Amino acid sequence: MDKRRRKQAKTSSCYSEEVSSIEWEFIKMSEQEEDLIHRMYKLVGDRWALIAGRIPGRKPEEIERFWIMRHEEVFASKRREQKRHNS
């Protein structure tokens, strides 16, 4: 029973290490990488691991963070527009 409690304590501590998106540094991508990310996103959606597999040296987390930072305002404006339309 003590082992089970130890495992739970270990897993819960990892959440405190998460970094806020405010603290993210912008990820620089080449034009070719950006183009490939956009085309792959249209094909497979937010399957970041699949997209990262096509770009050597990039991790899924980097691709997702790049996408969020690049398109955050676009998504926010679309949400606002939908709310106005639904009201």
C-alpha atoms as a PDB file:
ATOM      1  CA  MET A   1       0.000   0.000   0.000  1.00  0.00           C
ATOM      2  CA  ASP A   2       2.900   2.374   0.714  1.00  0.00           C
ATOM      3  CA  LYS A   3       4.250   1.772  -2.790  1.00  0.00           C
ATOM      4  CA  ARG A   4       0.951   2.874  -4.289  1.00  0.00           C
ATOM      5  CA  ARG A   5       1.018   6.146  -2.344  1.00  0.00           C
ATOM      6  CA  ARG A   6       4.584   6.822  -3.444  1.00  0.00           C
ATOM      7  CA  LYS A   7       3.656   6.375  -7.099  1.00  0.00           C
ATOM      8  CA  GLN A   8       0.731   8.749  -6.748  1.00  0.00           C
ATOM      9  CA  ALA A   9       2.924  11.350  -5.108  1.00  0.00           C
ATOM     10  CA  LYS A  10       5.439  11.120  -7.953  1.00  0.00           C
ATOM     11  CA  THR A  11       2.844  11.577 -10.665  1.00  0.00           C
ATOM     12  CA  SER A  12       1.134  14.514  -8.998  1.00  0.00           C
ATOM     13  CA  SER A  13       4.400  16.442  -8.641  1.00  0.00           C
ATOM     14  CA  CYS A  14       4.982  16.608 -12.399  1.00  0.00           C
ATOM     15  CA  TYR A  15       2.054  18.999 -12.838  1.00  0.00           C
ATOM     16  CA  SER A  16       3.794  21.696 -10.824  1.00  0.00           C
ATOM     17  CA  GLU A  17       6.579  21.804 -13.441  1.00  0.00           C
ATOM     18  CA  GLU A  18       4.323  22.904 -16.295  1.00  0.00           C
ATOM     19  CA  VAL A  19       5.211  26.212 -17.893  1.00  0.00           C
ATOM     20  CA  SER A  20       2.584  28.847 -18.533  1.00  0.00           C
ATOM     21  CA  SER A  21       2.068  29.746 -22.200  1.00  0.00           C
ATOM     22  CA  ILE A  22       2.863  33.345 -21.241  1.00  0.00           C
ATOM     23  CA  GLU A  23       6.453  32.273 -20.555  1.00  0.00           C
ATOM     24  CA  TRP A  24       6.929  30.492 -23.892  1.00  0.00           C
ATOM     25  CA  GLU A  25       9.610  31.757 -26.228  1.00  0.00           C
ATOM     26  CA  PHE A  26       8.645  32.064 -29.870  1.00  0.00           C
ATOM     27  CA  ILE A  27       9.891  29.117 -31.911  1.00  0.00           C
ATOM     28  CA  LYS A  28      11.609  30.056 -35.141  1.00  0.00           C
ATOM     29  CA  MET A  29      10.709  27.915 -38.127  1.00  0.00           C
ATOM     30  CA  SER A  30      11.932  28.117 -41.679  1.00  0.00           C
ATOM     31  CA  GLU A  31       9.431  28.971 -44.414  1.00  0.00           C
ATOM     32  CA  GLN A  32       9.546  25.369 -45.589  1.00  0.00           C
ATOM     33  CA  GLU A  33       8.771  24.092 -42.090  1.00  0.00           C
ATOM     34  CA  GLU A  34       5.884  26.536 -41.681  1.00  0.00           C
ATOM     35  CA  ASP A  35       4.474  25.569 -45.053  1.00  0.00           C
ATOM     36  CA  LEU A  36       4.719  21.870 -44.243  1.00  0.00           C
ATOM     37  CA  ILE A  37       3.068  22.374 -40.846  1.00  0.00           C
ATOM     38  CA  HIS A  38       0.156  24.261 -42.438  1.00  0.00           C
ATOM     39  CA  ARG A  39      -0.322  21.654 -45.164  1.00  0.00           C
ATOM     40  CA  MET A  40      -0.082  18.738 -42.715  1.00  0.00           C
ATOM     41  CA  TYR A  41      -2.496  20.422 -40.303  1.00  0.00           C
ATOM     42  CA  LYS A  42      -5.068  20.696 -43.091  1.00  0.00           C
ATOM     43  CA  LEU A  43      -4.634  16.979 -43.793  1.00  0.00           C
ATOM     44  CA  VAL A  44      -4.359  15.414 -40.335  1.00  0.00           C
ATOM     45  CA  GLY A  45      -5.477  18.100 -37.880  1.00  0.00           C
ATOM     46  CA  ASP A  46      -3.730  18.481 -34.552  1.00  0.00           C
ATOM     47  CA  ARG A  47      -1.820  15.201 -34.663  1.00  0.00           C
ATOM     48  CA  TRP A  48       1.417  16.924 -33.661  1.00  0.00           C
ATOM     49  CA  ALA A  49       3.498  13.738 -33.414  1.00  0.00           C
ATOM     50  CA  LEU A  50       2.603  12.816 -36.969  1.00  0.00           C
ATOM     51  CA  ILE A  51       3.473  16.299 -38.215  1.00  0.00           C
ATOM     52  CA  ALA A  52       6.732  16.378 -36.230  1.00  0.00           C
ATOM     53  CA  GLY A  53       7.695  13.043 -37.773  1.00  0.00           C
ATOM     54  CA  ARG A  54       7.889  14.811 -41.150  1.00  0.00           C
ATOM     55  CA  ILE A  55      10.188  17.577 -39.889  1.00  0.00           C
ATOM     56  CA  PRO A  56      13.646  16.352 -38.835  1.00  0.00           C
ATOM     57  CA  GLY A  57      14.808  17.638 -35.454  1.00  0.00           C
ATOM     58  CA  ARG A  58      11.406  18.903 -34.299  1.00  0.00           C
ATOM     59  CA  LYS A  59       9.406  17.530 -31.376  1.00  0.00           C
ATOM     60  CA  PRO A  60       5.603  17.346 -31.265  1.00  0.00           C
ATOM     61  CA  GLU A  61       5.584  19.825 -28.371  1.00  0.00           C
ATOM     62  CA  GLU A  62       7.510  22.360 -30.454  1.00  0.00           C
ATOM     63  CA  ILE A  63       5.097  22.014 -33.364  1.00  0.00           C
ATOM     64  CA  GLU A  64       2.051  22.399 -31.120  1.00  0.00           C
ATOM     65  CA  ARG A  65       3.536  25.406 -29.300  1.00  0.00           C
ATOM     66  CA  PHE A  66       4.432  27.026 -32.634  1.00  0.00           C
ATOM     67  CA  TRP A  67       0.895  26.460 -33.923  1.00  0.00           C
ATOM     68  CA  ILE A  68      -0.738  27.862 -30.788  1.00  0.00           C
ATOM     69  CA  MET A  69       1.467  30.935 -30.691  1.00  0.00           C
ATOM     70  CA  ARG A  70       1.035  31.625 -34.393  1.00  0.00           C
ATOM     71  CA  HIS A  71      -2.736  31.107 -34.509  1.00  0.00           C
ATOM     72  CA  GLU A  72      -3.902  32.059 -31.026  1.00  0.00           C
ATOM     73  CA  GLU A  73      -5.356  35.403 -32.111  1.00  0.00           C
ATOM     74  CA  VAL A  74      -7.018  33.864 -35.157  1.00  0.00           C
ATOM     75  CA  PHE A  75      -8.758  31.258 -33.014  1.00  0.00           C
ATOM     76  CA  ALA A  76      -9.766  33.849 -30.409  1.00  0.00           C
ATOM     77  CA  SER A  77     -11.356  36.074 -33.049  1.00  0.00           C
ATOM     78  CA  LYS A  78     -13.251  33.107 -34.542  1.00  0.00           C
ATOM     79  CA  ARG A  79     -14.618  32.208 -31.090  1.00  0.00           C
ATOM     80  CA  ARG A  80     -15.772  35.799 -30.549  1.00  0.00           C
ATOM     81  CA  GLU A  81     -17.463  35.824 -33.950  1.00  0.00           C
ATOM     82  CA  GLN A  82     -19.283  32.553 -33.226  1.00  0.00           C
ATOM     83  CA  LYS A  83     -20.530  33.885 -29.882  1.00  0.00           C
ATOM     84  CA  ARG A  84     -21.930  36.991 -31.584  1.00  0.00           C
ATOM     85  CA  HIS A  85     -23.542  34.882 -34.288  1.00  0.00           C
ATOM     86  CA  ASN A  86     -25.139  32.500 -31.759  1.00  0.00           C
ATOM     87  CA  SER A  87     -26.478  35.301 -29.545  1.00  0.00           C
END
